[in-house]
């Protein structure tokens, strides 16, 4: 029995000694005068500790809620989100894989933060519903948003000078050449050349005013005279299809509306959901330096 008491005493003594060594060591010296780890840590806790603790509490609440809901995040999901965040945070030339290799500890920490962020997204998404009735009501209240203006499907060939444009125009109007072939062979427009001059289907306000003034007045199949665009060149234009203004049906736009409503509701739910988790939780702050100035009620950080 005596030997076990001795072992226990030695264990407690070593623990106390380790704690003393950690808190009494110095983090810096200034002209021979030391700044202790204990003083540094105390000031750090008092100045920034509460915000960091709030973050850690929120992360723990999210992990607990996700576990209760049976939600998981796959490595592939983490990697995909991390890639997106990397592109947003750094330049496109940044090598993500190289950064992970050179900063393994930071990557582990970042990976966990990404995992928690994904879990939070899933919790919020799970708490948001968009019913067919919601979509129908939105459509009826925002019908003007789903009116399509007049549109045309056009093709164009860009030339450096009017002489070249008129030479090709003569061939086209005589039926000796096809517009698509001439666009691929001669157009100087890099955006449409390889698409046989295809400019897509568009409404007014998409292209230069000089182009739109012509294409919205051409008949289907008609080829325009050369149209001069300052600092660009001369265009030959033709219209393949015309689409008059019309009201889109609910069936056409219901998926777009559902996505829009879900995004709006998820954004509004994010802060609300976390506050609800905190309200339901029992949160005890054991270090008095991290307690809020005044007691708070209902699940916020309390004594």
Protein backbone atom coordinates (compact mmCIF):
# COMPACT_ATOMS: atom_id res chain seq x y z
CA UNK A 1 0.00 0.00 0.00
CA UNK A 2 2.87 2.33 0.88
CA UNK A 3 4.48 1.82 -2.51
CA UNK A 4 1.27 2.90 -4.33
CA UNK A 5 1.03 6.03 -2.22
CA UNK A 6 4.64 6.82 -3.10
CA UNK A 7 3.94 6.32 -6.83
CA UNK A 8 0.86 8.56 -6.62
CA UNK A 9 2.85 11.24 -4.77
CA UNK A 10 5.65 11.12 -7.34
CA UNK A 11 3.14 11.33 -10.19
CA UNK A 12 1.44 14.40 -8.74
CA UNK A 13 4.81 15.98 -8.03
CA UNK A 14 6.01 15.46 -11.59
CA UNK A 15 2.76 16.92 -12.95
CA UNK A 16 3.10 19.98 -10.75
CA UNK A 17 6.74 20.34 -11.75
CA UNK A 18 5.86 20.16 -15.45
CA UNK A 19 3.15 22.80 -14.98
CA UNK A 20 5.56 25.05 -13.09
CA UNK A 21 8.20 24.66 -15.82
CA UNK A 22 5.71 25.50 -18.55
CA UNK A 23 4.27 28.59 -16.88
CA UNK A 24 7.56 29.95 -15.57
CA UNK A 25 9.55 29.72 -18.80
CA UNK A 26 10.22 32.86 -20.82
CA UNK A 27 8.93 33.72 -24.28
CA UNK A 28 11.27 36.68 -24.75
CA UNK A 29 13.97 38.80 -23.10
CA UNK A 30 14.38 42.56 -23.43
CA UNK A 31 17.72 43.89 -22.25
CA UNK A 32 18.02 40.86 -20.04
CA UNK A 33 14.53 41.23 -18.55
CA UNK A 34 12.29 38.27 -19.29
CA UNK A 35 8.65 38.10 -20.40
CA UNK A 36 7.15 34.97 -18.94
CA UNK A 37 5.00 32.47 -20.76
CA UNK A 38 2.36 32.81 -18.03
CA UNK A 39 2.04 36.60 -18.43
CA UNK A 40 2.02 36.32 -22.20
CA UNK A 41 -0.68 33.64 -22.12
CA UNK A 42 -2.80 35.59 -19.64
CA UNK A 43 -2.76 38.73 -21.80
CA UNK A 44 -3.45 36.73 -24.94
CA UNK A 45 -6.45 35.05 -23.31
CA UNK A 46 -7.87 38.32 -22.00
CA UNK A 47 -7.51 40.17 -25.31
CA UNK A 48 -8.42 37.51 -27.90
CA UNK A 49 -9.46 34.45 -25.99
CA UNK A 50 -13.19 35.11 -25.88
CA UNK A 51 -13.50 35.36 -29.68
CA UNK A 52 -11.43 32.23 -30.20
CA UNK A 53 -13.44 30.35 -27.61
CA UNK A 54 -16.70 31.45 -29.24
CA UNK A 55 -15.42 30.01 -32.51
CA UNK A 56 -14.41 26.74 -30.88
CA UNK A 57 -17.76 26.43 -29.10
CA UNK A 58 -19.61 27.00 -32.38
CA UNK A 59 -17.47 24.37 -34.12
CA UNK A 60 -18.18 21.85 -31.38
CA UNK A 61 -21.92 22.56 -31.55
CA UNK A 62 -21.85 21.99 -35.32
CA UNK A 63 -19.98 18.69 -34.94
CA UNK A 64 -22.44 17.52 -32.28
CA UNK A 65 -25.50 18.51 -34.34
CA UNK A 66 -24.10 16.84 -37.46
CA UNK A 67 -23.35 13.67 -35.54
CA UNK A 68 -26.90 13.58 -34.15
CA UNK A 69 -28.28 14.08 -37.66
CA UNK A 70 -26.05 11.35 -39.09
CA UNK A 71 -24.33 13.75 -41.50
CA UNK A 72 -20.91 12.99 -42.91
CA UNK A 73 -18.44 14.72 -45.22
CA UNK A 74 -16.40 12.74 -47.71
CA UNK A 75 -12.72 13.38 -48.48
CA UNK A 76 -13.76 14.23 -52.04
CA UNK A 77 -16.13 16.94 -50.78
CA UNK A 78 -13.40 18.42 -48.61
CA UNK A 79 -10.90 18.42 -51.47
CA UNK A 80 -13.37 20.07 -53.87
CA UNK A 81 -14.31 22.82 -51.40
CA UNK A 82 -10.66 23.38 -50.48
CA UNK A 83 -9.78 23.83 -54.15
CA UNK A 84 -12.53 26.45 -54.54
CA UNK A 85 -11.39 28.33 -51.43
CA UNK A 86 -7.79 28.21 -52.64
CA UNK A 87 -8.74 29.76 -55.99
CA UNK A 88 -10.70 32.50 -54.22
CA UNK A 89 -7.92 33.25 -51.75
CA UNK A 90 -4.84 32.97 -53.93
CA UNK A 91 -3.90 33.71 -57.52
CA UNK A 92 -4.60 31.19 -60.22
CA UNK A 93 -0.87 30.53 -60.46
CA UNK A 94 -0.74 29.28 -56.87
CA UNK A 95 0.06 25.55 -56.64
CA UNK A 96 -2.40 24.05 -54.17
CA UNK A 97 -0.78 20.60 -54.10
CA UNK A 98 2.64 22.12 -53.49
CA UNK A 99 1.29 24.25 -50.63
CA UNK A 100 -0.21 21.15 -49.00
CA UNK A 101 3.11 19.31 -49.23
CA UNK A 102 5.08 22.24 -47.81
CA UNK A 103 2.57 23.08 -45.04
CA UNK A 104 1.26 19.75 -43.68
CA UNK A 105 0.22 21.12 -40.27
CA UNK A 106 -1.64 24.10 -41.75
CA UNK A 107 -3.34 21.78 -44.25
CA UNK A 108 -4.59 19.50 -41.45
CA UNK A 109 -6.02 22.52 -39.62
CA UNK A 110 -7.54 24.00 -42.77
CA UNK A 111 -8.96 20.64 -43.77
CA UNK A 112 -10.80 20.40 -40.45
CA UNK A 113 -12.20 23.92 -40.83
CA UNK A 114 -13.41 23.04 -44.33
CA UNK A 115 -15.00 19.85 -42.96
CA UNK A 116 -16.88 21.82 -40.30
CA UNK A 117 -17.98 24.39 -42.88
CA UNK A 118 -19.38 21.61 -45.08
CA UNK A 119 -21.17 20.01 -42.12
CA UNK A 120 -22.72 23.38 -41.29
CA UNK A 121 -23.86 23.79 -44.90
CA UNK A 122 -25.55 20.39 -44.76
CA UNK A 123 -27.23 21.15 -41.44
CA UNK A 124 -28.61 24.43 -42.78
CA UNK A 125 -29.70 22.84 -46.07
CA UNK A 126 -31.47 20.10 -44.12
CA UNK A 127 -33.41 22.71 -42.15
CA UNK A 128 -34.65 24.60 -45.25
CA UNK A 129 -37.62 23.50 -47.35
CA UNK A 130 -38.95 24.91 -50.61
CA UNK A 131 -42.45 23.69 -51.46
CA UNK A 132 -44.16 23.74 -54.85
CA UNK A 133 -46.60 26.25 -53.39
CA UNK A 134 -43.68 28.56 -52.51
CA UNK A 135 -42.40 28.37 -56.08
CA UNK A 136 -45.83 29.07 -57.55
CA UNK A 137 -46.40 32.04 -55.23
CA UNK A 138 -43.00 33.53 -56.12
CA UNK A 139 -43.73 33.14 -59.84
CA UNK A 140 -47.09 34.89 -59.56
CA UNK A 141 -45.60 37.75 -57.55
CA UNK A 142 -42.61 38.23 -59.89
CA UNK A 143 -44.02 37.55 -63.33
CA UNK A 144 -42.19 40.57 -64.80
CA UNK A 145 -38.86 38.92 -64.00
CA UNK A 146 -39.71 36.03 -66.29
CA UNK A 147 -40.63 37.95 -69.41
CA UNK A 148 -38.22 37.28 -72.25
CA UNK A 149 -37.47 40.26 -74.53
CA UNK A 150 -37.13 40.03 -78.29
CA UNK A 151 -34.08 37.95 -79.22
CA UNK A 152 -32.25 36.91 -82.36
CA UNK A 153 -29.85 34.13 -83.29
CA UNK A 154 -27.19 35.75 -85.47
CA UNK A 155 -23.87 35.06 -87.18
CA UNK A 156 -21.13 37.52 -88.11
CA UNK A 157 -17.90 37.76 -90.09
CA UNK A 158 -15.35 40.39 -89.09
CA UNK A 159 -13.01 41.98 -91.65
CA UNK A 160 -10.19 44.47 -91.26
CA UNK A 161 -11.41 46.67 -94.12
CA UNK A 162 -14.57 47.37 -96.13
CA UNK A 163 -13.07 46.18 -99.43
CA UNK A 164 -12.58 42.62 -98.16
CA UNK A 165 -16.03 42.63 -96.59
CA UNK A 166 -17.72 43.66 -99.86
CA UNK A 167 -15.78 41.09 -101.87
CA UNK A 168 -17.07 38.25 -99.67
CA UNK A 169 -20.55 39.83 -99.58
CA UNK A 170 -20.77 39.58 -103.39
CA UNK A 171 -19.97 35.86 -103.25
CA UNK A 172 -22.54 35.28 -100.52
CA UNK A 173 -25.35 37.15 -102.27
CA UNK A 174 -24.66 35.33 -105.54
CA UNK A 175 -24.90 32.00 -103.73
CA UNK A 176 -21.28 31.16 -104.57
CA UNK A 177 -20.28 30.69 -100.93
CA UNK A 178 -21.80 29.73 -97.59
CA UNK A 179 -21.82 32.20 -94.72
CA UNK A 180 -20.56 29.60 -92.22
CA UNK A 181 -17.64 28.60 -94.46
CA UNK A 182 -16.60 32.20 -95.05
CA UNK A 183 -16.78 32.95 -91.31
CA UNK A 184 -14.50 30.03 -90.46
CA UNK A 185 -12.08 30.91 -93.26
CA UNK A 186 -11.88 34.70 -93.04
CA UNK A 187 -13.38 36.13 -89.84
CA UNK A 188 -11.00 38.04 -87.57
CA UNK A 189 -13.30 37.65 -84.54
CA UNK A 190 -11.55 35.09 -82.26
CA UNK A 191 -14.71 34.58 -80.19
CA UNK A 192 -16.85 33.36 -83.11
CA UNK A 193 -14.47 32.33 -85.91
CA UNK A 194 -14.22 28.65 -84.90
CA UNK A 195 -18.00 28.55 -84.34
CA UNK A 196 -18.61 29.54 -87.97
CA UNK A 197 -19.47 33.08 -86.92
CA UNK A 198 -22.13 31.98 -84.43
CA UNK A 199 -22.90 34.90 -82.08
CA UNK A 200 -25.53 32.94 -80.16
CA UNK A 201 -29.06 33.95 -79.27
CA UNK A 202 -29.19 37.35 -77.59
CA UNK A 203 -31.39 40.30 -76.63
CA UNK A 204 -30.65 43.99 -77.03
CA UNK A 205 -27.84 45.25 -74.86
CA UNK A 206 -25.52 42.33 -75.55
CA UNK A 207 -23.45 43.54 -78.51
CA UNK A 208 -22.32 46.90 -79.85
CA UNK A 209 -25.12 49.29 -80.71
CA UNK A 210 -24.09 49.30 -84.41
CA UNK A 211 -24.52 45.50 -84.59
CA UNK A 212 -27.83 45.37 -82.77
CA UNK A 213 -29.32 48.19 -84.83
CA UNK A 214 -28.78 46.00 -87.92
CA UNK A 215 -29.55 42.45 -86.72
CA UNK A 216 -32.83 43.38 -85.06
CA UNK A 217 -34.02 44.74 -88.41
CA UNK A 218 -32.77 41.96 -90.71
CA UNK A 219 -35.07 39.33 -92.15
CA UNK A 220 -34.17 35.70 -91.52
CA UNK A 221 -31.48 34.65 -94.01
CA UNK A 222 -30.79 38.23 -95.14
CA UNK A 223 -27.13 39.33 -95.17
CA UNK A 224 -26.29 42.88 -94.16
CA UNK A 225 -24.08 45.41 -95.88
CA UNK A 226 -20.74 45.88 -94.12
CA UNK A 227 -21.30 47.35 -90.66
CA UNK A 228 -18.45 49.49 -89.36
CA UNK A 229 -17.53 49.22 -85.67
CA UNK A 230 -14.98 51.89 -84.64
CA UNK A 231 -11.61 50.44 -83.62
CA UNK A 232 -12.85 46.93 -84.49
CA UNK A 233 -13.55 46.57 -88.19
CA UNK A 234 -16.35 45.71 -90.64
CA UNK A 235 -18.98 43.07 -89.95
CA UNK A 236 -21.20 41.09 -92.28
CA UNK A 237 -24.24 39.92 -90.31
CA UNK A 238 -27.07 37.48 -90.85
CA UNK A 239 -29.99 36.30 -88.72
CA UNK A 240 -30.97 32.63 -88.53
CA UNK A 241 -33.85 32.82 -86.03
CA UNK A 242 -36.02 35.46 -84.41
CA UNK A 243 -37.78 35.11 -81.07
CA UNK A 244 -40.55 37.57 -80.19
CA UNK A 245 -41.07 38.75 -76.59
CA UNK A 246 -42.97 36.25 -74.44
CA UNK A 247 -43.81 35.27 -70.87
CA UNK A 248 -41.93 32.20 -69.62
CA UNK A 249 -44.20 29.55 -68.13
CA UNK A 250 -43.98 28.35 -64.55
CA UNK A 251 -42.85 24.95 -65.84
CA UNK A 252 -39.89 26.57 -67.61
CA UNK A 253 -38.63 28.52 -64.60
CA UNK A 254 -39.70 26.44 -61.58
CA UNK A 255 -36.23 24.95 -61.03
CA UNK A 256 -34.57 28.36 -61.26
CA UNK A 257 -37.06 29.78 -58.74
CA UNK A 258 -36.56 26.83 -56.39
CA UNK A 259 -32.77 27.37 -56.48
CA UNK A 260 -33.23 31.09 -55.87
CA UNK A 261 -35.55 30.55 -52.91
CA UNK A 262 -33.27 27.91 -51.43
CA UNK A 263 -30.23 30.21 -51.66
CA UNK A 264 -32.12 33.07 -50.02
CA UNK A 265 -33.52 30.92 -47.23
CA UNK A 266 -30.24 29.18 -46.53
CA UNK A 267 -28.47 32.53 -46.24
CA UNK A 268 -31.10 33.75 -43.76
CA UNK A 269 -31.02 30.47 -41.85
CA UNK A 270 -27.26 30.28 -41.29
CA UNK A 271 -27.05 32.70 -38.35
CA UNK A 272 -30.47 31.73 -37.03
CA UNK A 273 -29.59 28.03 -36.97
CA UNK A 274 -26.38 28.54 -34.99
CA UNK A 275 -28.17 30.79 -32.51
CA UNK A 276 -30.77 28.07 -32.03
CA UNK A 277 -28.04 25.52 -31.31
CA UNK A 278 -26.55 27.85 -28.72
CA UNK A 279 -29.93 28.49 -27.11
CA UNK A 280 -30.50 24.77 -26.62
CA UNK A 281 -26.98 24.03 -25.38
CA UNK A 282 -25.56 24.12 -21.88
CA UNK A 283 -22.34 26.11 -22.23
CA UNK A 284 -20.15 26.55 -19.17
CA UNK A 285 -17.14 28.86 -19.20
CA UNK A 286 -14.75 27.59 -16.56
CA UNK A 287 -11.98 30.17 -16.95
CA UNK A 288 -13.17 33.48 -15.49
CA UNK A 289 -10.96 35.41 -17.92
CA UNK A 290 -13.13 34.15 -20.77
CA UNK A 291 -16.50 34.90 -19.24
CA UNK A 292 -18.57 37.73 -20.74
CA UNK A 293 -18.75 41.01 -18.81
CA UNK A 294 -22.41 40.40 -17.95
CA UNK A 295 -24.28 37.15 -17.46
CA UNK A 296 -26.25 36.11 -20.54
CA UNK A 297 -29.40 34.05 -20.55
CA UNK A 298 -30.63 31.15 -22.62
CA UNK A 299 -27.70 29.06 -23.76
CA UNK A 300 -25.11 31.74 -24.47
CA UNK A 301 -21.77 31.58 -22.73
CA UNK A 302 -22.43 31.70 -18.99
CA UNK A 303 -20.53 31.31 -15.78
